[in-house]
């Protein structure tokens, strides 16, 4: 049996936690309510976006991984990537956390990961 938290609850918790910390959080694309993949865009003041996705590891654990960074010289590529991922899997949630060190809210440790 999968002990995974339903996607809509995890998303709701992330949004509320970031907002309670003084940041802005929003759903960019709503996915499948219970089992949709969650992609998290972390940025600060709408700049320097980084995309995180939970990925399986050899030990069987699923951890957040940095999968894409916005390049200053080609910001359009980042949004095109998000659109492509959404078309490939319409069950995917895409949420944005606009707050300093947004990675902390998904448990991503820059030093460790």
PDB file of N, CA and C in Angstrom:
ATOM      1  N   UNK A   1       0.828  -1.183   0.000  1.00  0.00           N
ATOM      2  CA  UNK A   1       0.000   0.000   0.000  1.00  0.00           C
ATOM      3  C   UNK A   1       0.872   1.247   0.000  1.00  0.00           C
ATOM      4  N   UNK A   2       0.509   2.224  -0.814  1.00  0.00           N
ATOM      5  CA  UNK A   2       1.267   3.466  -0.935  1.00  0.00           C
ATOM      6  C   UNK A   2       0.849   4.427   0.177  1.00  0.00           C
ATOM      7  N   UNK A   3       1.822   4.902   0.949  1.00  0.00           N
ATOM      8  CA  UNK A   3       1.541   5.815   2.055  1.00  0.00           C
ATOM      9  C   UNK A   3       1.655   7.272   1.617  1.00  0.00           C
ATOM     10  N   UNK A   4       1.662   7.489   0.337  1.00  0.00           N
ATOM     11  CA  UNK A   4       1.826   8.837  -0.201  1.00  0.00           C
ATOM     12  C   UNK A   4       0.619   9.714   0.129  1.00  0.00           C
ATOM     13  N   UNK A   5       0.891  10.939   0.520  1.00  0.00           N
ATOM     14  CA  UNK A   5      -0.141  11.924   0.790  1.00  0.00           C
ATOM     15  C   UNK A   5      -0.807  12.312  -0.526  1.00  0.00           C
ATOM     16  N   UNK A   6      -2.128  12.420  -0.580  1.00  0.00           N
ATOM     17  CA  UNK A   6      -2.782  12.843  -1.825  1.00  0.00           C
ATOM     18  C   UNK A   6      -2.220  14.184  -2.305  1.00  0.00           C
ATOM     19  N   UNK A   7      -2.049  14.304  -3.597  1.00  0.00           N
ATOM     20  CA  UNK A   7      -1.403  15.477  -4.184  1.00  0.00           C
ATOM     21  C   UNK A   7      -2.071  16.783  -3.772  1.00  0.00           C
ATOM     22  N   UNK A   8      -3.402  16.827  -3.786  1.00  0.00           N
ATOM     23  CA  UNK A   8      -4.078  18.086  -3.465  1.00  0.00           C
ATOM     24  C   UNK A   8      -3.821  18.523  -2.023  1.00  0.00           C
ATOM     25  N   UNK A   9      -3.635  17.577  -1.114  1.00  0.00           N
ATOM     26  CA  UNK A   9      -3.326  17.932   0.271  1.00  0.00           C
ATOM     27  C   UNK A   9      -1.898  18.443   0.409  1.00  0.00           C
ATOM     28  N   UNK A  10      -0.975  17.797  -0.284  1.00  0.00           N
ATOM     29  CA  UNK A  10       0.414  18.255  -0.238  1.00  0.00           C
ATOM     30  C   UNK A  10       0.535  19.657  -0.827  1.00  0.00           C
ATOM     31  N   UNK A  11      -0.129  19.891  -1.952  1.00  0.00           N
ATOM     32  CA  UNK A  11      -0.094  21.209  -2.594  1.00  0.00           C
ATOM     33  C   UNK A  11      -0.698  22.254  -1.663  1.00  0.00           C
ATOM     34  N   UNK A  12      -1.841  21.961  -1.102  1.00  0.00           N
ATOM     35  CA  UNK A  12      -2.508  22.897  -0.192  1.00  0.00           C
ATOM     36  C   UNK A  12      -1.613  23.243   0.997  1.00  0.00           C
ATOM     37  N   UNK A  13      -0.962  22.240   1.563  1.00  0.00           N
ATOM     38  CA  UNK A  13      -0.052  22.466   2.684  1.00  0.00           C
ATOM     39  C   UNK A  13       1.118  23.349   2.318  1.00  0.00           C
ATOM     40  N   UNK A  14       1.703  23.116   1.136  1.00  0.00           N
ATOM     41  CA  UNK A  14       2.821  23.949   0.683  1.00  0.00           C
ATOM     42  C   UNK A  14       2.381  25.398   0.496  1.00  0.00           C
ATOM     43  N   UNK A  15       1.240  25.592  -0.136  1.00  0.00           N
ATOM     44  CA  UNK A  15       0.748  26.950  -0.375  1.00  0.00           C
ATOM     45  C   UNK A  15       0.537  27.692   0.940  1.00  0.00           C
ATOM     46  N   UNK A  16      -0.129  27.054   1.885  1.00  0.00           N
ATOM     47  CA  UNK A  16      -0.414  27.697   3.174  1.00  0.00           C
ATOM     48  C   UNK A  16       0.855  27.974   3.968  1.00  0.00           C
ATOM     49  N   UNK A  17       1.800  27.044   3.940  1.00  0.00           N
ATOM     50  CA  UNK A  17       3.042  27.220   4.690  1.00  0.00           C
ATOM     51  C   UNK A  17       3.848  28.390   4.156  1.00  0.00           C
ATOM     52  N   UNK A  18       3.959  28.495   2.834  1.00  0.00           N
ATOM     53  CA  UNK A  18       4.712  29.598   2.227  1.00  0.00           C
ATOM     54  C   UNK A  18       4.029  30.927   2.506  1.00  0.00           C
ATOM     55  N   UNK A  19       2.716  30.965   2.367  1.00  0.00           N
ATOM     56  CA  UNK A  19       1.984  32.207   2.640  1.00  0.00           C
ATOM     57  C   UNK A  19       2.098  32.609   4.107  1.00  0.00           C
ATOM     58  N   UNK A  20       2.069  31.644   5.016  1.00  0.00           N
ATOM     59  CA  UNK A  20       2.220  31.938   6.441  1.00  0.00           C
ATOM     60  C   UNK A  20       3.609  32.493   6.753  1.00  0.00           C
ATOM     61  N   UNK A  21       4.592  32.138   5.934  1.00  0.00           N
ATOM     62  CA  UNK A  21       5.959  32.621   6.118  1.00  0.00           C
ATOM     63  C   UNK A  21       6.186  33.966   5.419  1.00  0.00           C
ATOM     64  N   UNK A  22       5.128  34.518   4.818  1.00  0.00           N
ATOM     65  CA  UNK A  22       5.242  35.837   4.192  1.00  0.00           C
ATOM     66  C   UNK A  22       5.529  35.809   2.706  1.00  0.00           C
ATOM     67  N   UNK A  23       5.505  34.638   2.102  1.00  0.00           N
ATOM     68  CA  UNK A  23       5.756  34.521   0.670  1.00  0.00           C
ATOM     69  C   UNK A  23       4.470  34.447  -0.121  1.00  0.00           C
ATOM     70  N   UNK A  24       4.627  34.257  -1.401  1.00  0.00           N
ATOM     71  CA  UNK A  24       3.493  34.103  -2.309  1.00  0.00           C
ATOM     72  C   UNK A  24       3.588  32.718  -2.926  1.00  0.00           C
ATOM     73  N   UNK A  25       2.467  32.026  -2.960  1.00  0.00           N
ATOM     74  CA  UNK A  25       2.439  30.690  -3.554  1.00  0.00           C
ATOM     75  C   UNK A  25       1.167  30.549  -4.375  1.00  0.00           C
ATOM     76  N   UNK A  26       1.289  29.890  -5.525  1.00  0.00           N
ATOM     77  CA  UNK A  26       0.129  29.727  -6.385  1.00  0.00           C
ATOM     78  C   UNK A  26       0.215  28.435  -7.179  1.00  0.00           C
ATOM     79  N   UNK A  27      -0.938  27.978  -7.627  1.00  0.00           N
ATOM     80  CA  UNK A  27      -1.016  26.810  -8.498  1.00  0.00           C
ATOM     81  C   UNK A  27      -0.980  27.318  -9.938  1.00  0.00           C
ATOM     82  N   UNK A  28       0.039  26.932 -10.684  1.00  0.00           N
ATOM     83  CA  UNK A  28       0.151  27.300 -12.091  1.00  0.00           C
ATOM     84  C   UNK A  28      -0.623  26.328 -12.975  1.00  0.00           C
ATOM     85  N   UNK A  29      -0.700  25.068 -12.541  1.00  0.00           N
ATOM     86  CA  UNK A  29      -1.453  24.041 -13.275  1.00  0.00           C
ATOM     87  C   UNK A  29      -1.958  23.021 -12.259  1.00  0.00           C
ATOM     88  N   UNK A  30      -3.249  22.762 -12.318  1.00  0.00           N
ATOM     89  CA  UNK A  30      -3.861  21.821 -11.388  1.00  0.00           C
ATOM     90  C   UNK A  30      -3.839  20.421 -11.998  1.00  0.00           C
ATOM     91  N   UNK A  31      -3.357  19.466 -11.224  1.00  0.00           N
ATOM     92  CA  UNK A  31      -3.236  18.103 -11.715  1.00  0.00           C
ATOM     93  C   UNK A  31      -4.256  17.161 -11.106  1.00  0.00           C
ATOM     94  N   UNK A  32      -3.987  15.882 -11.234  1.00  0.00           N
ATOM     95  CA  UNK A  32      -4.870  14.840 -10.704  1.00  0.00           C
ATOM     96  C   UNK A  32      -4.921  14.956  -9.182  1.00  0.00           C
ATOM     97  N   UNK A  33      -6.109  14.963  -8.652  1.00  0.00           N
ATOM     98  CA  UNK A  33      -6.354  15.257  -7.240  1.00  0.00           C
ATOM     99  C   UNK A  33      -5.561  14.385  -6.261  1.00  0.00           C
ATOM    100  N   UNK A  34      -5.489  13.104  -6.511  1.00  0.00           N
ATOM    101  CA  UNK A  34      -4.869  12.215  -5.529  1.00  0.00           C
ATOM    102  C   UNK A  34      -3.447  11.783  -5.866  1.00  0.00           C
ATOM    103  N   UNK A  35      -3.174  11.504  -7.133  1.00  0.00           N
ATOM    104  CA  UNK A  35      -1.885  10.892  -7.460  1.00  0.00           C
ATOM    105  C   UNK A  35      -1.063  11.672  -8.483  1.00  0.00           C
ATOM    106  N   UNK A  36      -1.432  12.910  -8.758  1.00  0.00           N
ATOM    107  CA  UNK A  36      -0.688  13.678  -9.748  1.00  0.00           C
ATOM    108  C   UNK A  36       0.736  13.972  -9.307  1.00  0.00           C
ATOM    109  N   UNK A  37       1.649  14.002 -10.268  1.00  0.00           N
ATOM    110  CA  UNK A  37       3.025  14.408 -10.012  1.00  0.00           C
ATOM    111  C   UNK A  37       3.021  15.881  -9.647  1.00  0.00           C
ATOM    112  N   UNK A  38       3.902  16.277  -8.729  1.00  0.00           N
ATOM    113  CA  UNK A  38       3.987  17.678  -8.325  1.00  0.00           C
ATOM    114  C   UNK A  38       5.340  18.237  -8.745  1.00  0.00           C
ATOM    115  N   UNK A  39       5.301  19.317  -9.514  1.00  0.00           N
ATOM    116  CA  UNK A  39       6.496  20.068  -9.868  1.00  0.00           C
ATOM    117  C   UNK A  39       6.443  21.377  -9.092  1.00  0.00           C
ATOM    118  N   UNK A  40       7.556  21.774  -8.489  1.00  0.00           N
ATOM    119  CA  UNK A  40       7.602  22.984  -7.687  1.00  0.00           C
ATOM    120  C   UNK A  40       8.608  23.955  -8.302  1.00  0.00           C
ATOM    121  N   UNK A  41       8.120  25.155  -8.625  1.00  0.00           N
ATOM    122  CA  UNK A  41       8.970  26.232  -9.118  1.00  0.00           C
ATOM    123  C   UNK A  41       9.271  27.124  -7.924  1.00  0.00           C
ATOM    124  N   UNK A  42      10.540  27.282  -7.598  1.00  0.00           N
ATOM    125  CA  UNK A  42      10.963  28.185  -6.533  1.00  0.00           C
ATOM    126  C   UNK A  42      11.613  29.404  -7.169  1.00  0.00           C
ATOM    127  N   UNK A  43      11.215  30.579  -6.713  1.00  0.00           N
ATOM    128  CA  UNK A  43      11.813  31.813  -7.204  1.00  0.00           C
ATOM    129  C   UNK A  43      11.771  32.846  -6.089  1.00  0.00           C
ATOM    130  N   UNK A  44      12.391  33.986  -6.344  1.00  0.00           N
ATOM    131  CA  UNK A  44      12.357  35.084  -5.390  1.00  0.00           C
ATOM    132  C   UNK A  44      12.076  36.358  -6.153  1.00  0.00           C
ATOM    133  N   UNK A  45      10.953  36.984  -5.817  1.00  0.00           N
ATOM    134  CA  UNK A  45      10.492  38.173  -6.532  1.00  0.00           C
ATOM    135  C   UNK A  45      10.330  37.910  -8.025  1.00  0.00           C
ATOM    136  N   UNK A  46       9.874  36.708  -8.354  1.00  0.00           N
ATOM    137  CA  UNK A  46       9.609  36.345  -9.740  1.00  0.00           C
ATOM    138  C   UNK A  46      10.846  36.116 -10.595  1.00  0.00           C
ATOM    139  N   UNK A  47      12.005  36.030  -9.979  1.00  0.00           N
ATOM    140  CA  UNK A  47      13.256  35.846 -10.744  1.00  0.00           C
ATOM    141  C   UNK A  47      13.988  34.581 -10.301  1.00  0.00           C
ATOM    142  N   UNK A  48      14.923  34.185 -11.143  1.00  0.00           N
ATOM    143  CA  UNK A  48      15.808  33.053 -10.836  1.00  0.00           C
ATOM    144  C   UNK A  48      15.029  31.785 -10.500  1.00  0.00           C
ATOM    145  N   UNK A  49      14.107  31.408 -11.371  1.00  0.00           N
ATOM    146  CA  UNK A  49      13.263  30.236 -11.139  1.00  0.00           C
ATOM    147  C   UNK A  49      14.065  28.946 -11.216  1.00  0.00           C
ATOM    148  N   UNK A  50      13.715  28.033 -10.298  1.00  0.00           N
ATOM    149  CA  UNK A  50      14.307  26.699 -10.263  1.00  0.00           C
ATOM    150  C   UNK A  50      13.168  25.704 -10.145  1.00  0.00           C
ATOM    151  N   UNK A  51      13.255  24.633 -10.915  1.00  0.00           N
ATOM    152  CA  UNK A  51      12.192  23.633 -10.933  1.00  0.00           C
ATOM    153  C   UNK A  51      12.645  22.374 -10.220  1.00  0.00           C
ATOM    154  N   UNK A  52      11.805  21.895  -9.295  1.00  0.00           N
ATOM    155  CA  UNK A  52      12.097  20.699  -8.519  1.00  0.00           C
ATOM    156  C   UNK A  52      11.026  19.651  -8.766  1.00  0.00           C
ATOM    157  N   UNK A  53      11.480  18.399  -8.778  1.00  0.00           N
ATOM    158  CA  UNK A  53      10.570  17.272  -8.932  1.00  0.00           C
ATOM    159  C   UNK A  53      11.059  16.155  -8.016  1.00  0.00           C
ATOM    160  N   UNK A  54      10.125  15.429  -7.430  1.00  0.00           N
ATOM    161  CA  UNK A  54      10.482  14.298  -6.583  1.00  0.00           C
ATOM    162  C   UNK A  54      10.804  13.120  -7.494  1.00  0.00           C
ATOM    163  N   UNK A  55      12.008  12.579  -7.330  1.00  0.00           N
ATOM    164  CA  UNK A  55      12.483  11.507  -8.189  1.00  0.00           C
ATOM    165  C   UNK A  55      12.873  10.289  -7.359  1.00  0.00           C
ATOM    166  N   UNK A  56      12.669   9.087  -7.921  1.00  0.00           N
ATOM    167  CA  UNK A  56      13.081   7.874  -7.199  1.00  0.00           C
ATOM    168  C   UNK A  56      14.605   7.738  -7.176  1.00  0.00           C
ATOM    169  N   UNK A  57      15.106   7.229  -6.078  1.00  0.00           N
ATOM    170  CA  UNK A  57      16.539   6.994  -5.905  1.00  0.00           C
ATOM    171  C   UNK A  57      16.777   5.500  -5.763  1.00  0.00           C
ATOM    172  N   UNK A  58      18.015   5.055  -5.976  1.00  0.00           N
ATOM    173  CA  UNK A  58      18.319   3.622  -5.908  1.00  0.00           C
ATOM    174  C   UNK A  58      17.916   2.962  -4.588  1.00  0.00           C
ATOM    175  N   UNK A  59      17.900   3.730  -3.502  1.00  0.00           N
ATOM    176  CA  UNK A  59      17.532   3.142  -2.205  1.00  0.00           C
ATOM    177  C   UNK A  59      16.015   2.999  -2.040  1.00  0.00           C
ATOM    178  N   UNK A  60      15.247   3.356  -3.082  1.00  0.00           N
ATOM    179  CA  UNK A  60      13.796   3.237  -3.047  1.00  0.00           C
ATOM    180  C   UNK A  60      13.087   4.479  -2.542  1.00  0.00           C
ATOM    181  N   UNK A  61      13.848   5.406  -2.003  1.00  0.00           N
ATOM    182  CA  UNK A  61      13.289   6.658  -1.499  1.00  0.00           C
ATOM    183  C   UNK A  61      13.011   7.606  -2.671  1.00  0.00           C
ATOM    184  N   UNK A  62      12.107   8.533  -2.466  1.00  0.00           N
ATOM    185  CA  UNK A  62      11.822   9.566  -3.473  1.00  0.00           C
ATOM    186  C   UNK A  62      12.207  10.906  -2.861  1.00  0.00           C
ATOM    187  N   UNK A  63      13.150  11.599  -3.522  1.00  0.00           N
ATOM    188  CA  UNK A  63      13.635  12.875  -2.997  1.00  0.00           C
ATOM    189  C   UNK A  63      13.507  13.960  -4.049  1.00  0.00           C
ATOM    190  N   UNK A  64      13.380  15.177  -3.554  1.00  0.00           N
ATOM    191  CA  UNK A  64      13.301  16.319  -4.462  1.00  0.00           C
ATOM    192  C   UNK A  64      14.632  16.526  -5.142  1.00  0.00           C
ATOM    193  N   UNK A  65      14.566  16.767  -6.450  1.00  0.00           N
ATOM    194  CA  UNK A  65      15.771  17.009  -7.258  1.00  0.00           C
ATOM    195  C   UNK A  65      15.566  18.286  -8.057  1.00  0.00           C
ATOM    196  N   UNK A  66      16.622  19.045  -8.205  1.00  0.00           N
ATOM    197  CA  UNK A  66      16.606  20.209  -9.079  1.00  0.00           C
ATOM    198  C   UNK A  66      16.687  19.687 -10.507  1.00  0.00           C
ATOM    199  N   UNK A  67      15.666  19.986 -11.329  1.00  0.00           N
ATOM    200  CA  UNK A  67      15.646  19.445 -12.685  1.00  0.00           C
ATOM    201  C   UNK A  67      15.808  20.522 -13.765  1.00  0.00           C
ATOM    202  N   UNK A  68      15.621  21.788 -13.417  1.00  0.00           N
ATOM    203  CA  UNK A  68      15.736  22.842 -14.428  1.00  0.00           C
ATOM    204  C   UNK A  68      15.941  24.177 -13.733  1.00  0.00           C
ATOM    205  N   UNK A  69      16.796  25.014 -14.314  1.00  0.00           N
ATOM    206  CA  UNK A  69      17.001  26.376 -13.824  1.00  0.00           C
ATOM    207  C   UNK A  69      16.748  27.357 -14.949  1.00  0.00           C
ATOM    208  N   UNK A  70      16.159  28.479 -14.594  1.00  0.00           N
ATOM    209  CA  UNK A  70      15.904  29.531 -15.569  1.00  0.00           C
ATOM    210  C   UNK A  70      17.213  30.251 -15.882  1.00  0.00           C
ATOM    211  N   UNK A  71      17.500  30.396 -17.160  1.00  0.00           N
ATOM    212  CA  UNK A  71      18.702  31.099 -17.594  1.00  0.00           C
ATOM    213  C   UNK A  71      18.340  32.536 -17.930  1.00  0.00           C
ATOM    214  N   UNK A  72      19.108  33.480 -17.402  1.00  0.00           N
ATOM    215  CA  UNK A  72      18.815  34.902 -17.615  1.00  0.00           C
ATOM    216  C   UNK A  72      18.771  35.252 -19.096  1.00  0.00           C
ATOM    217  N   UNK A  73      19.620  34.613 -19.891  1.00  0.00           N
ATOM    218  CA  UNK A  73      19.686  34.930 -21.320  1.00  0.00           C
ATOM    219  C   UNK A  73      18.588  34.250 -22.145  1.00  0.00           C
ATOM    220  N   UNK A  74      17.833  33.321 -21.536  1.00  0.00           N
ATOM    221  CA  UNK A  74      16.770  32.641 -22.265  1.00  0.00           C
ATOM    222  C   UNK A  74      15.642  32.244 -21.310  1.00  0.00           C
ATOM    223  N   UNK A  75      14.935  33.238 -20.793  1.00  0.00           N
ATOM    224  CA  UNK A  75      13.864  32.983 -19.826  1.00  0.00           C
ATOM    225  C   UNK A  75      12.701  32.224 -20.450  1.00  0.00           C
ATOM    226  N   UNK A  76      12.500  32.393 -21.739  1.00  0.00           N
ATOM    227  CA  UNK A  76      11.389  31.734 -22.421  1.00  0.00           C
ATOM    228  C   UNK A  76      11.528  30.212 -22.380  1.00  0.00           C
ATOM    229  N   UNK A  77      12.753  29.718 -22.423  1.00  0.00           N
ATOM    230  CA  UNK A  77      12.981  28.271 -22.415  1.00  0.00           C
ATOM    231  C   UNK A  77      12.392  27.619 -21.166  1.00  0.00           C
ATOM    232  N   UNK A  78      12.486  28.280 -20.029  1.00  0.00           N
ATOM    233  CA  UNK A  78      11.966  27.728 -18.776  1.00  0.00           C
ATOM    234  C   UNK A  78      10.449  27.554 -18.849  1.00  0.00           C
ATOM    235  N   UNK A  79       9.745  28.579 -19.286  1.00  0.00           N
ATOM    236  CA  UNK A  79       8.284  28.476 -19.383  1.00  0.00           C
ATOM    237  C   UNK A  79       7.865  27.479 -20.461  1.00  0.00           C
ATOM    238  N   UNK A  80       8.624  27.391 -21.540  1.00  0.00           N
ATOM    239  CA  UNK A  80       8.331  26.392 -22.571  1.00  0.00           C
ATOM    240  C   UNK A  80       8.511  24.977 -22.027  1.00  0.00           C
ATOM    241  N   UNK A  81       9.518  24.790 -21.194  1.00  0.00           N
ATOM    242  CA  UNK A  81       9.749  23.487 -20.574  1.00  0.00           C
ATOM    243  C   UNK A  81       8.551  23.092 -19.704  1.00  0.00           C
ATOM    244  N   UNK A  82       8.060  24.044 -18.900  1.00  0.00           N
ATOM    245  CA  UNK A  82       6.891  23.767 -18.057  1.00  0.00           C
ATOM    246  C   UNK A  82       5.677  23.406 -18.901  1.00  0.00           C
ATOM    247  N   UNK A  83       5.463  24.122 -19.979  1.00  0.00           N
ATOM    248  CA  UNK A  83       4.332  23.832 -20.874  1.00  0.00           C
ATOM    249  C   UNK A  83       4.463  22.445 -21.492  1.00  0.00           C
ATOM    250  N   UNK A  84       5.674  22.093 -21.904  1.00  0.00           N
ATOM    251  CA  UNK A  84       5.923  20.777 -22.500  1.00  0.00           C
ATOM    252  C   UNK A  84       5.636  19.664 -21.491  1.00  0.00           C
ATOM    253  N   UNK A  85       6.099  19.838 -20.258  1.00  0.00           N
ATOM    254  CA  UNK A  85       5.851  18.837 -19.215  1.00  0.00           C
ATOM    255  C   UNK A  85       4.353  18.686 -18.961  1.00  0.00           C
ATOM    256  N   UNK A  86       3.634  19.770 -18.957  1.00  0.00           N
ATOM    257  CA  UNK A  86       2.193  19.750 -18.722  1.00  0.00           C
ATOM    258  C   UNK A  86       1.472  19.026 -19.856  1.00  0.00           C
ATOM    259  N   UNK A  87       1.901  19.251 -21.098  1.00  0.00           N
ATOM    260  CA  UNK A  87       1.292  18.549 -22.235  1.00  0.00           C
ATOM    261  C   UNK A  87       1.584  17.055 -22.176  1.00  0.00           C
ATOM    262  N   UNK A  88       2.794  16.691 -21.754  1.00  0.00           N
ATOM    263  CA  UNK A  88       3.175  15.282 -21.668  1.00  0.00           C
ATOM    264  C   UNK A  88       2.375  14.540 -20.609  1.00  0.00           C
ATOM    265  N   UNK A  89       2.041  15.229 -19.519  1.00  0.00           N
ATOM    266  CA  UNK A  89       1.305  14.598 -18.425  1.00  0.00           C
ATOM    267  C   UNK A  89       0.310  15.605 -17.845  1.00  0.00           C
ATOM    268  N   UNK A  90      -0.925  15.609 -18.355  1.00  0.00           N
ATOM    269  CA  UNK A  90      -1.912  16.578 -17.874  1.00  0.00           C
ATOM    270  C   UNK A  90      -2.321  16.375 -16.412  1.00  0.00           C
ATOM    271  N   UNK A  91      -1.903  15.272 -15.795  1.00  0.00           N
ATOM    272  CA  UNK A  91      -2.193  15.039 -14.375  1.00  0.00           C
ATOM    273  C   UNK A  91      -1.199  15.739 -13.452  1.00  0.00           C
ATOM    274  N   UNK A  92      -0.215  16.413 -14.022  1.00  0.00           N
ATOM    275  CA  UNK A  92       0.848  17.059 -13.255  1.00  0.00           C
ATOM    276  C   UNK A  92       0.392  18.384 -12.656  1.00  0.00           C
ATOM    277  N   UNK A  93       0.728  18.561 -11.396  1.00  0.00           N
ATOM    278  CA  UNK A  93       0.550  19.844 -10.712  1.00  0.00           C
ATOM    279  C   UNK A  93       1.821  20.664 -10.913  1.00  0.00           C
ATOM    280  N   UNK A  94       1.680  21.949 -11.157  1.00  0.00           N
ATOM    281  CA  UNK A  94       2.828  22.854 -11.180  1.00  0.00           C
ATOM    282  C   UNK A  94       2.496  23.985 -10.217  1.00  0.00           C
ATOM    283  N   UNK A  95       3.297  24.111  -9.178  1.00  0.00           N
ATOM    284  CA  UNK A  95       3.062  25.185  -8.221  1.00  0.00           C
ATOM    285  C   UNK A  95       4.300  26.065  -8.132  1.00  0.00           C
ATOM    286  N   UNK A  96       4.073  27.318  -7.807  1.00  0.00           N
ATOM    287  CA  UNK A  96       5.168  28.283  -7.685  1.00  0.00           C
ATOM    288  C   UNK A  96       5.225  28.786  -6.260  1.00  0.00           C
ATOM    289  N   UNK A  97       6.422  28.777  -5.693  1.00  0.00           N
ATOM    290  CA  UNK A  97       6.685  29.311  -4.367  1.00  0.00           C
ATOM    291  C   UNK A  97       7.616  30.500  -4.540  1.00  0.00           C
ATOM    292  N   UNK A  98       7.101  31.696  -4.334  1.00  0.00           N
ATOM    293  CA  UNK A  98       7.895  32.917  -4.511  1.00  0.00           C
ATOM    294  C   UNK A  98       8.260  33.447  -3.128  1.00  0.00           C
ATOM    295  N   UNK A  99       9.421  33.026  -2.674  1.00  0.00           N
ATOM    296  CA  UNK A  99       9.903  33.370  -1.341  1.00  0.00           C
ATOM    297  C   UNK A  99      11.398  33.042  -1.301  1.00  0.00           C
ATOM    298  N   UNK A 100      12.151  33.768  -0.486  1.00  0.00           N
ATOM    299  CA  UNK A 100      13.575  33.471  -0.345  1.00  0.00           C
ATOM    300  C   UNK A 100      13.759  32.044   0.153  1.00  0.00           C
ATOM    301  N   UNK A 101      14.683  31.319  -0.447  1.00  0.00           N
ATOM    302  CA  UNK A 101      15.004  29.940  -0.079  1.00  0.00           C
ATOM    303  C   UNK A 101      13.758  29.051  -0.062  1.00  0.00           C
ATOM    304  N   UNK A 102      12.985  29.121  -1.135  1.00  0.00           N
ATOM    305  CA  UNK A 102      11.768  28.321  -1.243  1.00  0.00           C
ATOM    306  C   UNK A 102      12.013  26.832  -1.138  1.00  0.00           C
ATOM    307  N   UNK A 103      13.211  26.409  -1.443  1.00  0.00           N
ATOM    308  CA  UNK A 103      13.561  24.986  -1.379  1.00  0.00           C
ATOM    309  C   UNK A 103      13.349  24.406   0.016  1.00  0.00           C
ATOM    310  N   UNK A 104      13.488  25.242   1.028  1.00  0.00           N
ATOM    311  CA  UNK A 104      13.328  24.749   2.403  1.00  0.00           C
ATOM    312  C   UNK A 104      11.923  24.201   2.650  1.00  0.00           C
ATOM    313  N   UNK A 105      10.943  24.686   1.895  1.00  0.00           N
ATOM    314  CA  UNK A 105       9.556  24.278   2.120  1.00  0.00           C
ATOM    315  C   UNK A 105       9.254  22.882   1.539  1.00  0.00           C
ATOM    316  N   UNK A 106      10.132  22.398   0.679  1.00  0.00           N
ATOM    317  CA  UNK A 106       9.958  21.034   0.168  1.00  0.00           C
ATOM    318  C   UNK A 106      11.010  20.088   0.772  1.00  0.00           C
ATOM    319  N   UNK A 107      11.794  20.615   1.695  1.00  0.00           N
ATOM    320  CA  UNK A 107      12.786  19.781   2.369  1.00  0.00           C
ATOM    321  C   UNK A 107      14.026  19.540   1.531  1.00  0.00           C
ATOM    322  N   UNK A 108      14.268  20.406   0.544  1.00  0.00           N
ATOM    323  CA  UNK A 108      15.458  20.251  -0.285  1.00  0.00           C
ATOM    324  C   UNK A 108      16.611  20.952   0.405  1.00  0.00           C
ATOM    325  N   UNK A 109      17.641  20.209   0.729  1.00  0.00           N
ATOM    326  CA  UNK A 109      18.825  20.743   1.388  1.00  0.00           C
ATOM    327  C   UNK A 109      19.896  20.953   0.351  1.00  0.00           C
ATOM    328  N   UNK A 110      20.201  22.210   0.043  1.00  0.00           N
ATOM    329  CA  UNK A 110      21.163  22.542  -1.006  1.00  0.00           C
ATOM    330  C   UNK A 110      22.523  21.912  -0.713  1.00  0.00           C
ATOM    331  N   UNK A 111      22.944  21.897   0.519  1.00  0.00           N
ATOM    332  CA  UNK A 111      24.253  21.341   0.876  1.00  0.00           C
ATOM    333  C   UNK A 111      24.275  19.825   0.702  1.00  0.00           C
ATOM    334  N   UNK A 112      23.181  19.151   1.088  1.00  0.00           N
ATOM    335  CA  UNK A 112      23.127  17.694   1.067  1.00  0.00           C
ATOM    336  C   UNK A 112      22.774  17.154  -0.320  1.00  0.00           C
ATOM    337  N   UNK A 113      21.771  17.767  -0.966  1.00  0.00           N
ATOM    338  CA  UNK A 113      21.268  17.264  -2.225  1.00  0.00           C
ATOM    339  C   UNK A 113      22.096  17.830  -3.354  1.00  0.00           C
TER     340      UNK A 113
END
